[in-house]
């Protein structure tokens, strides 16, 4: 029995109506960075790329856990199917094309997470980055038979110049900007010069940025979009923060990785203690926390990033 199944028995998805949060008309952009446990930045110094092919692939099982959660949200919703955006690593797509096809066939958006999971700032040149962007896009389009519109940089490593390269590579939107300033891996861009359309930013007539959602408390940005912060922050507090964002913005973008639902993944000790904590904290509760958080957001529509841009006027074709 999977970890999610065990937690679902202990904490069923049904919640008495008195506890449900009403956010009618709001949009949830549920996004997944589709990579496996050995491709994570925190483990990078201990797991070189050359060893990837010898590592145990666990991403398919964990991705099915996320797909099952999305299906359960759809069953408990009166607002249509729960659609999500999966930013798929090209290396994973090449090794597991059937998983990509299943994600696509179940109505979710397939977008790009690059090919090798190298931070954009680590690429030797803009030419190398553009090749990674184009190769991953073409691979995913060949697998699904549909255009790939979106991209997310590994570790949110984005800059103003890199946005131009992403647009030139044929993408309609990027979703790499995380405004939380205390993580040095995250890139910085100047979005204040552009017009907002919902939570998206129009960079040009054909290209948008859709930032990760964070919580602004008296001018201080708190990390509220997902990942390790979601695993660390108590669920009741995180839920209140999401509700605040929905009231202010009308939409909320959440991100998660399949390995975050996998407490049984191999443990790597040859990394700094802080990296071990950041990677492994509360993995056993992630499935329950995700289903509990979003099953209580009644009245919200779970939409893909591409569809959200359609709602706000960003993509019309």
Protein backbone atom coordinates (compact mmCIF):
# COMPACT_ATOMS: atom_id res chain seq x y z
CA UNK A 1 0.00 0.00 0.00
CA UNK A 2 1.35 3.45 -0.94
CA UNK A 3 2.17 6.11 1.63
CA UNK A 4 -0.64 8.28 0.26
CA UNK A 5 -3.14 5.44 0.58
CA UNK A 6 -2.17 4.92 4.22
CA UNK A 7 -2.56 8.61 5.07
CA UNK A 8 -5.85 8.76 3.19
CA UNK A 9 -7.22 6.01 5.46
CA UNK A 10 -6.19 8.02 8.52
CA UNK A 11 -7.26 11.40 7.11
CA UNK A 12 -10.12 10.96 4.60
CA UNK A 13 -10.60 13.67 1.97
CA UNK A 14 -14.13 14.50 3.10
CA UNK A 15 -14.26 17.63 5.24
CA UNK A 16 -17.41 18.86 7.00
CA UNK A 17 -18.81 21.89 5.12
CA UNK A 18 -18.35 24.21 8.12
CA UNK A 19 -14.58 23.98 7.63
CA UNK A 20 -14.52 24.52 3.87
CA UNK A 21 -13.01 27.75 2.56
CA UNK A 22 -15.18 29.55 0.03
CA UNK A 23 -13.16 31.13 -2.79
CA UNK A 24 -15.73 31.29 -5.55
CA UNK A 25 -14.39 32.39 -8.91
CA UNK A 26 -10.73 32.01 -7.96
CA UNK A 27 -8.20 30.00 -9.95
CA UNK A 28 -5.71 27.45 -8.65
CA UNK A 29 -2.67 26.85 -10.86
CA UNK A 30 -1.39 23.52 -9.56
CA UNK A 31 2.05 22.90 -11.07
CA UNK A 32 4.44 19.94 -10.89
CA UNK A 33 8.18 20.04 -11.55
CA UNK A 34 8.54 16.53 -12.98
CA UNK A 35 12.00 15.32 -11.96
CA UNK A 36 13.25 12.33 -9.98
CA UNK A 37 14.86 12.22 -6.55
CA UNK A 38 18.45 12.08 -7.85
CA UNK A 39 18.10 15.16 -10.09
CA UNK A 40 17.50 17.68 -7.30
CA UNK A 41 19.80 20.67 -6.77
CA UNK A 42 20.28 19.86 -3.05
CA UNK A 43 21.86 16.50 -4.00
CA UNK A 44 23.78 17.72 -7.01
CA UNK A 45 27.27 17.68 -5.48
CA UNK A 46 26.84 14.03 -4.42
CA UNK A 47 25.06 12.73 -7.55
CA UNK A 48 26.78 13.73 -10.81
CA UNK A 49 24.91 13.62 -14.09
CA UNK A 50 27.08 10.73 -15.27
CA UNK A 51 25.49 8.51 -12.58
CA UNK A 52 21.85 9.27 -13.44
CA UNK A 53 21.40 6.24 -15.69
CA UNK A 54 22.37 3.91 -12.84
CA UNK A 55 19.92 5.39 -10.32
CA UNK A 56 16.55 3.90 -9.38
CA UNK A 57 13.69 5.58 -11.23
CA UNK A 58 10.92 6.36 -8.74
CA UNK A 59 9.24 9.27 -10.49
CA UNK A 60 6.54 7.26 -12.25
CA UNK A 61 5.02 5.87 -9.04
CA UNK A 62 5.20 9.24 -7.31
CA UNK A 63 3.68 11.05 -10.29
CA UNK A 64 0.75 8.62 -10.21
CA UNK A 65 0.21 9.61 -6.57
CA UNK A 66 -0.12 13.25 -7.69
CA UNK A 67 -2.43 12.30 -10.55
CA UNK A 68 -4.59 10.37 -8.08
CA UNK A 69 -4.80 13.41 -5.80
CA UNK A 70 -5.89 15.55 -8.75
CA UNK A 71 -8.52 12.96 -9.66
CA UNK A 72 -9.84 13.00 -6.10
CA UNK A 73 -10.08 16.80 -6.19
CA UNK A 74 -12.07 16.53 -9.40
CA UNK A 75 -14.46 14.03 -7.84
CA UNK A 76 -15.07 16.36 -4.88
CA UNK A 77 -15.49 19.50 -7.00
CA UNK A 78 -18.54 21.06 -8.57
CA UNK A 79 -16.37 23.33 -10.72
CA UNK A 80 -15.20 20.94 -13.40
CA UNK A 81 -12.08 18.81 -13.76
CA UNK A 82 -8.92 19.56 -11.78
CA UNK A 83 -6.29 20.33 -14.39
CA UNK A 84 -2.60 20.89 -13.64
CA UNK A 85 0.59 21.84 -15.48
CA UNK A 86 3.50 19.39 -15.44
CA UNK A 87 6.90 20.96 -16.19
CA UNK A 88 8.63 17.82 -17.47
CA UNK A 89 12.38 17.33 -17.48
CA UNK A 90 13.55 16.27 -20.94
CA UNK A 91 15.74 13.49 -19.52
CA UNK A 92 12.69 12.00 -17.80
CA UNK A 93 10.57 12.34 -20.95
CA UNK A 94 13.16 10.48 -22.99
CA UNK A 95 13.30 7.61 -20.48
CA UNK A 96 9.58 7.50 -19.65
CA UNK A 97 7.63 8.74 -22.69
CA UNK A 98 4.62 6.69 -21.65
CA UNK A 99 4.31 8.69 -18.44
CA UNK A 100 4.30 11.94 -20.42
CA UNK A 101 1.60 10.58 -22.72
CA UNK A 102 -0.51 9.54 -19.73
CA UNK A 103 -0.26 12.99 -18.15
CA UNK A 104 -1.33 14.51 -21.46
CA UNK A 105 -4.15 12.00 -22.04
CA UNK A 106 -5.58 12.74 -18.60
CA UNK A 107 -6.12 16.36 -19.60
CA UNK A 108 -3.14 18.04 -17.97
CA UNK A 109 -0.74 20.46 -19.62
CA UNK A 110 2.75 19.24 -20.52
CA UNK A 111 5.36 22.01 -20.34
CA UNK A 112 9.17 22.04 -20.25
CA UNK A 113 11.56 21.98 -17.30
CA UNK A 114 14.60 21.93 -19.59
CA UNK A 115 16.50 18.79 -20.46
CA UNK A 116 19.37 18.31 -17.98
CA UNK A 117 18.06 20.18 -14.90
CA UNK A 118 20.93 22.63 -15.00
CA UNK A 119 20.25 26.06 -13.61
CA UNK A 120 20.03 28.61 -16.40
CA UNK A 121 22.85 30.55 -14.76
CA UNK A 122 25.09 27.45 -15.03
CA UNK A 123 24.84 27.18 -18.80
CA UNK A 124 28.08 28.07 -20.57
CA UNK A 125 26.35 30.44 -22.99
CA UNK A 126 22.96 31.65 -24.15
CA UNK A 127 23.48 29.37 -27.15
CA UNK A 128 23.74 26.32 -24.88
CA UNK A 129 20.64 27.42 -22.99
CA UNK A 130 18.68 27.94 -26.19
CA UNK A 131 19.64 24.44 -27.37
CA UNK A 132 18.42 22.97 -24.06
CA UNK A 133 15.18 24.92 -24.36
CA UNK A 134 14.53 23.96 -27.99
CA UNK A 135 15.55 20.30 -27.58
CA UNK A 136 13.30 19.75 -24.55
CA UNK A 137 10.39 21.52 -26.26
CA UNK A 138 10.73 19.47 -29.44
CA UNK A 139 11.01 16.21 -27.51
CA UNK A 140 7.83 16.86 -25.52
CA UNK A 141 5.93 17.92 -28.63
CA UNK A 142 7.02 14.77 -30.43
CA UNK A 143 5.75 12.65 -27.51
CA UNK A 144 2.37 14.37 -27.02
CA UNK A 145 1.66 15.61 -30.54
CA UNK A 146 0.67 19.02 -29.15
CA UNK A 147 2.49 22.36 -28.86
CA UNK A 148 4.43 23.08 -25.67
CA UNK A 149 3.77 26.62 -24.48
CA UNK A 150 5.45 26.89 -21.09
CA UNK A 151 8.85 26.62 -19.43
CA UNK A 152 10.14 26.61 -15.85
CA UNK A 153 13.82 27.00 -15.07
CA UNK A 154 15.43 24.58 -12.58
CA UNK A 155 15.72 26.24 -9.14
CA UNK A 156 13.83 29.30 -10.45
CA UNK A 157 17.13 30.56 -11.91
CA UNK A 158 15.86 33.34 -14.15
CA UNK A 159 17.03 36.80 -15.27
CA UNK A 160 15.73 39.50 -17.62
CA UNK A 161 18.14 38.37 -20.34
CA UNK A 162 17.17 34.74 -19.91
CA UNK A 163 13.50 35.62 -20.39
CA UNK A 164 14.41 36.93 -23.84
CA UNK A 165 16.11 33.64 -24.70
CA UNK A 166 13.07 31.66 -23.53
CA UNK A 167 10.73 33.75 -25.66
CA UNK A 168 13.06 33.46 -28.68
CA UNK A 169 13.02 29.68 -28.24
CA UNK A 170 9.32 29.57 -29.08
CA UNK A 171 7.61 29.57 -25.68
CA UNK A 172 4.45 31.54 -24.89
CA UNK A 173 5.14 31.83 -21.17
CA UNK A 174 7.69 31.27 -18.44
CA UNK A 175 6.91 30.35 -14.82
CA UNK A 176 10.34 30.69 -13.19
CA UNK A 177 10.11 33.83 -11.10
CA UNK A 178 9.99 33.36 -7.32
CA UNK A 179 9.94 36.66 -5.44
CA UNK A 180 11.26 35.19 -2.16
CA UNK A 181 14.59 36.96 -1.81
CA UNK A 182 16.36 34.86 0.83
CA UNK A 183 17.08 31.88 -1.43
CA UNK A 184 20.28 32.70 -3.32
CA UNK A 185 19.54 30.16 -6.04
CA UNK A 186 16.54 32.09 -7.27
CA UNK A 187 17.00 34.55 -10.10
CA UNK A 188 15.92 38.16 -10.16
CA UNK A 189 13.93 39.98 -12.82
CA UNK A 190 12.45 43.46 -13.08
CA UNK A 191 8.76 42.87 -13.63
CA UNK A 192 7.62 46.28 -12.41
CA UNK A 193 7.93 47.76 -15.90
CA UNK A 194 5.30 45.39 -17.32
CA UNK A 195 1.50 45.23 -17.06
CA UNK A 196 -0.18 42.64 -14.84
CA UNK A 197 -2.97 40.47 -16.19
CA UNK A 198 -4.32 38.58 -13.19
CA UNK A 199 -1.26 37.07 -11.53
CA UNK A 200 0.57 36.91 -14.88
CA UNK A 201 2.85 39.60 -16.28
CA UNK A 202 2.74 40.52 -19.98
CA UNK A 203 6.35 40.75 -21.12
CA UNK A 204 5.46 41.21 -24.79
CA UNK A 205 2.48 40.76 -27.06
CA UNK A 206 3.20 37.01 -27.26
CA UNK A 207 5.02 36.18 -24.00
CA UNK A 208 4.09 36.17 -20.30
CA UNK A 209 5.67 35.47 -16.94
CA UNK A 210 3.52 33.59 -14.40
CA UNK A 211 5.31 33.93 -11.04
CA UNK A 212 5.11 31.53 -8.13
CA UNK A 213 2.64 32.81 -5.54
CA UNK A 214 4.12 34.19 -2.31
CA UNK A 215 2.61 35.97 0.69
CA UNK A 216 3.23 39.67 1.23
CA UNK A 217 3.00 40.57 4.92
CA UNK A 218 3.62 44.28 5.52
CA UNK A 219 6.04 44.45 2.63
CA UNK A 220 7.93 41.29 3.59
CA UNK A 221 7.72 38.40 1.12
CA UNK A 222 7.19 34.98 2.68
CA UNK A 223 7.64 31.77 0.63
CA UNK A 224 4.11 30.43 0.14
CA UNK A 225 4.21 28.70 -3.24
CA UNK A 226 5.04 25.12 -2.29
CA UNK A 227 8.12 22.90 -2.19
CA UNK A 228 10.08 22.60 1.03
CA UNK A 229 8.36 25.65 2.49
CA UNK A 230 5.00 23.90 2.14
CA UNK A 231 6.39 20.80 3.84
CA UNK A 232 7.78 22.85 6.71
CA UNK A 233 4.96 25.35 7.43
CA UNK A 234 2.05 23.97 9.52
CA UNK A 235 -0.93 23.13 7.34
CA UNK A 236 -3.45 25.35 9.14
CA UNK A 237 -1.15 28.36 8.82
CA UNK A 238 -0.34 27.61 5.19
CA UNK A 239 -4.05 27.31 4.41
CA UNK A 240 -4.75 30.76 5.84
CA UNK A 241 -1.95 32.22 3.76
CA UNK A 242 -3.35 30.69 0.58
CA UNK A 243 -6.77 32.09 1.37
CA UNK A 244 -5.23 35.55 1.82
CA UNK A 245 -3.49 35.29 -1.56
CA UNK A 246 -6.72 34.18 -3.25
CA UNK A 247 -8.63 37.12 -1.79
CA UNK A 248 -5.99 39.59 -2.92
CA UNK A 249 -5.09 38.16 -6.32
CA UNK A 250 -7.97 35.94 -7.40
CA UNK A 251 -5.51 33.17 -8.24
CA UNK A 252 -2.80 31.09 -6.59
CA UNK A 253 0.12 29.20 -8.19
CA UNK A 254 1.43 26.18 -6.28
CA UNK A 255 4.37 23.93 -7.15
CA UNK A 256 5.47 20.49 -6.00
CA UNK A 257 7.87 17.72 -7.06
CA UNK A 258 6.96 14.02 -7.25
CA UNK A 259 9.88 13.04 -4.95
CA UNK A 260 8.28 15.15 -2.20
CA UNK A 261 5.64 12.41 -1.80
CA UNK A 262 8.26 9.68 -1.42
CA UNK A 263 9.63 9.13 2.12
CA UNK A 264 11.12 5.80 0.97
CA UNK A 265 13.56 7.34 -1.51
CA UNK A 266 17.29 6.58 -1.04
CA UNK A 267 19.02 8.75 1.55
CA UNK A 268 22.13 10.66 0.55
CA UNK A 269 24.31 11.64 3.50
CA UNK A 270 27.31 13.07 1.64
CA UNK A 271 25.80 16.57 1.49
CA UNK A 272 25.69 19.43 4.03
CA UNK A 273 23.26 18.99 6.92
CA UNK A 274 21.18 21.97 5.82
CA UNK A 275 20.68 20.45 2.37
CA UNK A 276 19.67 17.11 3.94
CA UNK A 277 17.11 18.88 6.12
CA UNK A 278 15.75 20.92 3.24
CA UNK A 279 15.37 17.88 1.00
CA UNK A 280 14.00 15.28 3.45
CA UNK A 281 11.88 17.31 5.90
CA UNK A 282 8.32 15.96 6.34
CA UNK A 283 8.24 13.84 3.17
CA UNK A 284 5.88 11.39 4.86
CA UNK A 285 3.11 13.98 5.24
CA UNK A 286 3.22 15.69 1.85
CA UNK A 287 0.48 13.65 0.18
CA UNK A 288 -1.93 14.23 3.06
CA UNK A 289 -1.10 17.95 3.24
CA UNK A 290 -1.66 18.47 -0.49
CA UNK A 291 -5.01 16.67 -0.59
CA UNK A 292 -6.16 18.31 2.64
CA UNK A 293 -5.21 21.82 1.53
CA UNK A 294 -6.84 21.72 -1.87
CA UNK A 295 -9.91 19.64 -1.00
CA UNK A 296 -10.94 22.56 1.24
CA UNK A 297 -10.69 25.20 -1.48
CA UNK A 298 -14.29 24.95 -2.61
CA UNK A 299 -15.43 27.16 -5.47
CA UNK A 300 -11.97 27.42 -7.04
CA UNK A 301 -11.21 26.26 -10.57
CA UNK A 302 -8.07 24.15 -11.03
CA UNK A 303 -6.67 25.26 -14.37
CA UNK A 304 -3.48 24.82 -16.36
CA UNK A 305 -1.10 27.73 -16.80
CA UNK A 306 -1.93 27.90 -20.48
CA UNK A 307 -5.68 27.97 -19.81
CA UNK A 308 -5.23 30.65 -17.17
CA UNK A 309 -3.50 32.87 -19.73
CA UNK A 310 -6.49 32.29 -21.98
CA UNK A 311 -8.81 33.53 -19.23
CA UNK A 312 -6.82 36.74 -18.72
CA UNK A 313 -6.21 37.32 -22.41
CA UNK A 314 -2.63 36.12 -22.70
CA UNK A 315 -3.09 33.22 -25.16
CA UNK A 316 -6.00 33.33 -27.55
CA UNK A 317 -5.12 30.79 -30.25
